[in-house]
Protein backbone atom coordinates (compact mmCIF):
# COMPACT_ATOMS: atom_id res chain seq x y z
CA UNK A 1 -30.88 11.81 3.63
CA UNK A 2 -30.77 15.24 2.00
CA UNK A 3 -31.80 15.82 -1.58
CA UNK A 4 -28.17 16.20 -2.68
CA UNK A 5 -27.15 12.93 -0.94
CA UNK A 6 -30.11 11.16 -2.55
CA UNK A 7 -29.10 12.36 -6.03
CA UNK A 8 -25.46 11.26 -5.47
CA UNK A 9 -26.65 7.82 -4.24
CA UNK A 10 -28.97 7.48 -7.24
CA UNK A 11 -26.21 8.41 -9.71
CA UNK A 12 -23.88 5.88 -8.05
CA UNK A 13 -26.52 3.13 -8.21
CA UNK A 14 -27.17 3.77 -11.90
CA UNK A 15 -23.40 3.76 -12.63
CA UNK A 16 -22.53 0.74 -10.44
CA UNK A 17 -25.27 -1.66 -11.61
CA UNK A 18 -23.86 -2.37 -15.10
CA UNK A 19 -20.32 -2.70 -13.68
CA UNK A 20 -21.48 -5.23 -11.07
CA UNK A 21 -23.52 -7.23 -13.58
CA UNK A 22 -20.58 -7.18 -16.01
CA UNK A 23 -18.19 -8.46 -13.30
CA UNK A 24 -20.49 -11.36 -12.41
CA UNK A 25 -19.96 -13.04 -15.77
CA UNK A 26 -16.26 -13.72 -15.05
CA UNK A 27 -16.43 -15.63 -11.76
CA UNK A 28 -18.88 -16.72 -9.09
CA UNK A 29 -18.00 -16.30 -5.42
CA UNK A 30 -18.53 -19.65 -3.68
CA UNK A 31 -17.45 -18.57 -0.19
CA UNK A 32 -15.87 -15.58 1.55
CA UNK A 33 -14.33 -16.06 4.99
CA UNK A 34 -12.14 -14.19 7.43
CA UNK A 35 -9.97 -15.50 10.25
CA UNK A 36 -8.24 -13.44 12.93
CA UNK A 37 -4.83 -14.72 13.98
CA UNK A 38 -2.17 -14.14 16.57
CA UNK A 39 1.44 -15.17 16.03
CA UNK A 40 2.09 -16.29 19.60
CA UNK A 41 5.12 -14.02 20.15
CA UNK A 42 4.94 -10.22 20.29
CA UNK A 43 7.14 -9.84 17.24
CA UNK A 44 4.93 -12.25 15.25
CA UNK A 45 2.04 -9.80 15.25
CA UNK A 46 -1.70 -10.15 14.88
CA UNK A 47 -4.01 -9.74 11.94
CA UNK A 48 -6.87 -11.01 9.85
CA UNK A 49 -6.67 -13.09 6.70
CA UNK A 50 -9.51 -12.92 4.19
CA UNK A 51 -10.25 -15.75 1.75
CA UNK A 52 -12.48 -15.65 -1.32
CA UNK A 53 -13.16 -18.96 -3.04
CA UNK A 54 -14.44 -18.50 -6.58
CA UNK A 55 -15.17 -20.55 -9.68
CA UNK A 56 -14.24 -19.09 -13.07
CA UNK A 57 -17.09 -18.61 -15.55
CA UNK A 58 -14.89 -17.67 -18.50
CA UNK A 59 -11.92 -18.99 -20.45
CA UNK A 60 -10.35 -15.52 -20.45
CA UNK A 61 -7.36 -15.04 -18.16
CA UNK A 62 -8.53 -13.45 -14.90
CA UNK A 63 -5.97 -11.62 -12.74
CA UNK A 64 -6.92 -10.34 -9.27
CA UNK A 65 -5.17 -7.00 -8.76
CA UNK A 66 -6.73 -4.99 -5.92
CA UNK A 67 -8.82 -5.41 -2.79
CA UNK A 68 -10.40 -2.87 -0.49
CA UNK A 69 -11.67 -4.10 2.86
CA UNK A 70 -13.31 -1.19 4.60
CA UNK A 71 -10.81 1.65 4.17
CA UNK A 72 -7.80 -0.65 3.83
CA UNK A 73 -6.28 -1.25 0.40
CA UNK A 74 -4.15 -4.22 -0.53
CA UNK A 75 -2.99 -6.54 -3.28
CA UNK A 76 -4.57 -10.00 -3.05
CA UNK A 77 -2.81 -13.27 -3.74
CA UNK A 78 -4.47 -15.87 -5.93
CA UNK A 79 -3.56 -19.48 -5.25
CA UNK A 80 -3.77 -21.70 -8.31
CA UNK A 81 -3.87 -18.78 -10.76
CA UNK A 82 -2.06 -21.07 -13.21
CA UNK A 83 -1.28 -24.75 -13.44
CA UNK A 84 2.26 -25.86 -12.60
CA UNK A 85 3.00 -26.29 -16.31
CA UNK A 86 2.12 -22.62 -16.95
CA UNK A 87 -1.37 -23.03 -18.44
CA UNK A 88 -3.93 -20.49 -17.24
CA UNK A 89 -6.98 -21.59 -15.39
CA UNK A 90 -10.12 -21.84 -17.47
CA UNK A 91 -13.89 -21.99 -17.15
CA UNK A 92 -14.99 -24.25 -14.28
CA UNK A 93 -11.68 -24.07 -12.38
CA UNK A 94 -11.64 -22.90 -8.76
CA UNK A 95 -9.33 -20.18 -7.43
CA UNK A 96 -8.61 -19.15 -3.84
CA UNK A 97 -7.95 -15.43 -3.41
CA UNK A 98 -6.42 -14.29 -0.11
CA UNK A 99 -5.35 -11.09 1.58
CA UNK A 100 -3.75 -10.67 5.02
CA UNK A 101 -4.24 -7.50 7.01
CA UNK A 102 -1.65 -7.02 9.76
CA UNK A 103 -3.07 -5.22 12.81
CA UNK A 104 -0.01 -5.21 15.03
CA UNK A 105 3.62 -6.02 14.41
CA UNK A 106 6.72 -5.47 16.55
CA UNK A 107 9.81 -6.46 14.59
CA UNK A 108 12.66 -8.14 16.41
CA UNK A 109 15.97 -6.23 16.30
CA UNK A 110 17.27 -8.19 13.27
CA UNK A 111 13.98 -8.34 11.32
CA UNK A 112 13.22 -6.32 8.22
CA UNK A 113 10.55 -3.69 8.53
CA UNK A 114 7.24 -4.69 6.95
CA UNK A 115 6.28 -2.75 3.83
CA UNK A 116 4.55 0.55 4.48
CA UNK A 117 0.81 0.50 3.83
CA UNK A 118 -0.23 1.96 0.49
CA UNK A 119 -3.43 3.95 0.23
CA UNK A 120 -5.46 3.83 -2.94
CA UNK A 121 -8.99 5.12 -3.18
CA UNK A 122 -11.62 2.66 -4.36
CA UNK A 123 -13.11 3.55 -7.77
CA UNK A 124 -16.52 3.95 -6.14
CA UNK A 125 -18.06 3.52 -2.67
CA UNK A 126 -17.83 -0.03 -1.39
CA UNK A 127 -21.08 -1.98 -1.14
CA UNK A 128 -20.77 -4.72 1.45
CA UNK A 129 -17.51 -5.55 3.23
CA UNK A 130 -15.02 -5.52 0.36
CA UNK A 131 -14.38 -4.63 -3.25
CA UNK A 132 -12.23 -6.91 -5.42
CA UNK A 133 -10.50 -5.49 -8.50
CA UNK A 134 -9.55 -7.79 -11.37
CA UNK A 135 -8.69 -7.78 -15.05
CA UNK A 136 -10.24 -10.03 -17.66
CA UNK A 137 -10.22 -8.98 -21.26
CA UNK A 138 -9.96 -5.21 -21.54
CA UNK A 139 -9.74 -2.99 -18.48
CA UNK A 140 -10.12 -3.43 -14.75
CA UNK A 141 -13.44 -4.62 -13.37
CA UNK A 142 -14.75 -4.73 -9.81
CA UNK A 143 -16.79 -7.16 -7.77
CA UNK A 144 -18.33 -6.48 -4.36
CA UNK A 145 -18.00 -9.01 -1.59
CA UNK A 146 -21.11 -8.61 0.51
CA UNK A 147 -20.06 -10.41 3.68
CA UNK A 148 -17.16 -12.46 5.05
CA UNK A 149 -18.12 -15.44 7.19
CA UNK A 150 -16.03 -15.26 10.37
CA UNK A 151 -14.05 -18.39 11.26
CA UNK A 152 -12.73 -19.18 14.77
CA UNK A 153 -9.51 -17.28 15.59
CA UNK A 154 -6.13 -18.96 15.12
CA UNK A 155 -3.58 -18.64 17.94
CA UNK A 156 -0.22 -19.87 16.74
CA UNK A 157 2.30 -21.14 19.32
């Protein structure tokens, strides 16, 4: 590592530490898994779905807005972000955050084209395998996901 790279890494570490500590007070990651899948037919495609199971540590409304996995950017889905009667989840409730990355897709002649990938730079270099962006209170915060536990692949018929 050159002197310049060392200084950049040090500046990043000093900047990132308070942001990571701040993000940890909103939710605790219980598990992070990934599963590769194949749709069975060529036009069904192949991909990987990532799941993050977390427990909320705050009564503030938490909204998961961005995810970066490696160089890929996406918008995660949060199952059970609210109760069926509209109440927001609160401290102690569990939420399942998911994101599907499509690796290969051949649309059938009548199928709609999938949305074009959107590229958005992460706010800082990713530590671990992913970076999860969320809002709680004021502003967007970020939480690193160190490692996804790989589950056996799913091959749909």
